[in-house]
Protein backbone atom coordinates (compact mmCIF):
# COMPACT_ATOMS: atom_id res chain seq x y z
CA MET A 1 -34.80 54.94 57.07
CA ARG A 2 -36.34 52.66 59.48
CA ILE A 3 -39.32 52.99 61.38
CA ARG A 4 -40.95 51.16 64.36
CA LEU A 5 -44.39 52.03 65.89
CA ASP A 6 -44.85 51.98 69.94
CA ARG A 7 -48.49 50.83 69.92
CA THR A 8 -48.77 51.72 73.86
CA LEU A 9 -48.38 55.57 72.85
CA CYS A 10 -50.94 55.28 70.07
CA ASP A 11 -53.95 57.17 70.66
CA GLY A 12 -55.69 56.41 67.67
CA PHE A 13 -55.80 59.85 65.88
CA GLY A 14 -55.00 58.25 62.54
CA ILE A 15 -53.09 60.99 61.07
CA CYS A 16 -50.35 58.28 60.48
CA ALA A 17 -52.72 56.01 58.01
CA LYS A 18 -53.82 59.19 56.17
CA HIS A 19 -50.49 60.34 55.44
CA ALA A 20 -48.74 56.81 54.73
CA PRO A 21 -51.61 54.34 53.92
CA GLU A 22 -49.09 52.05 52.60
CA TYR A 23 -46.82 51.53 55.63
CA PHE A 24 -49.79 51.95 58.75
CA SER A 25 -53.17 51.00 59.20
CA LEU A 26 -55.81 51.06 61.99
CA ASP A 27 -56.99 48.11 63.75
CA ASP A 28 -60.92 47.31 64.91
CA TRP A 29 -60.16 49.91 67.47
CA GLY A 30 -59.00 52.29 65.38
CA TYR A 31 -55.31 52.06 66.40
CA ALA A 32 -52.31 52.16 64.39
CA VAL A 33 -50.77 49.05 63.29
CA LEU A 34 -47.51 49.31 61.22
CA VAL A 35 -47.64 47.62 57.41
CA GLY A 36 -44.57 45.47 56.78
CA ASP A 37 -40.96 45.78 58.50
CA GLY A 38 -40.57 49.49 59.02
CA ALA A 39 -37.81 49.40 56.36
CA ILE A 40 -39.02 52.58 54.17
CA PRO A 41 -37.55 53.16 50.78
CA PRO A 42 -35.96 56.58 49.77
CA HIS A 43 -39.25 57.32 47.81
CA ASP A 44 -41.63 56.84 50.31
CA ARG A 45 -39.53 58.46 52.81
CA ASP A 46 -41.36 61.91 52.62
CA ALA A 47 -44.79 60.21 53.36
CA VAL A 48 -43.55 58.19 56.41
CA MET A 49 -41.78 61.26 58.14
CA ARG A 50 -44.94 63.50 57.67
CA ALA A 51 -46.53 60.79 59.71
CA LEU A 52 -43.63 60.63 62.24
CA MET A 53 -43.79 64.58 62.84
CA ASP A 54 -47.34 65.03 62.76
CA CYS A 55 -48.07 62.00 64.89
CA PRO A 56 -49.38 63.94 68.28
CA VAL A 57 -48.10 61.22 70.87
CA HIS A 58 -45.26 60.70 69.06
CA ALA A 59 -45.82 56.85 68.65
CA ILE A 60 -43.62 56.78 65.61
CA ILE A 61 -40.01 56.23 66.16
CA GLU A 62 -37.42 56.64 63.51
CA THR A 63 -34.35 53.94 64.26
CA PRO A 64 -31.25 53.63 63.05
CA ARG A 65 -30.89 51.44 59.81
CA ALA A 66 -30.05 47.76 59.85
CA ASP A 67 -26.22 47.98 58.58
CA THR A 68 -25.30 50.90 61.09
CA ASP A 69 -26.87 49.25 64.42
CA VAL A 70 -24.22 48.39 66.76
CA ASP A 71 -24.81 45.43 69.47
CA ALA A 72 -25.78 47.28 72.74
CA ALA A 73 -24.05 44.24 74.29
CA ASP A 74 -20.76 44.89 72.66
CA SER A 75 -20.74 48.68 72.97
CA PRO A 76 -18.93 50.71 75.60
CA VAL A 77 -20.35 52.92 78.29
CA ALA A 78 -19.05 56.49 78.56
CA THR A 79 -18.92 57.51 81.87
CA THR A 80 -17.19 60.25 83.72
CA GLY A 81 -14.80 59.96 86.30
CA ARG A 82 -14.18 62.32 89.51
CA ALA A 83 -11.51 64.33 87.40
CA GLY A 84 -13.63 64.61 84.47
CA GLN A 85 -11.85 61.96 82.44
CA THR A 86 -13.54 59.96 80.29
CA THR A 87 -13.31 56.30 80.17
CA GLU A 88 -14.79 53.17 78.68
CA VAL A 89 -16.46 50.57 80.11
CA PRO A 90 -17.39 47.57 78.40
CA ARG A 91 -21.52 46.69 79.30
């Protein structure tokens, strides 16, 4: 599991730091800060998922794992033509 924190969404409720203090701390103004690189080992997944699910502003986002990431520049974009056919167009 990998997460990221969108600090522009954080309103400083501090629920994340309560549920998963190893991964979230609060700055001097009470806003969340992600501790580490966002990689969550299996044994800490439940606590981090609880923080993610309980965040009232959804500032914690689960992202794809590094080994399953697809480079956006190389991935095709699906578009639908007039007849409803799907065509892949490179980005």
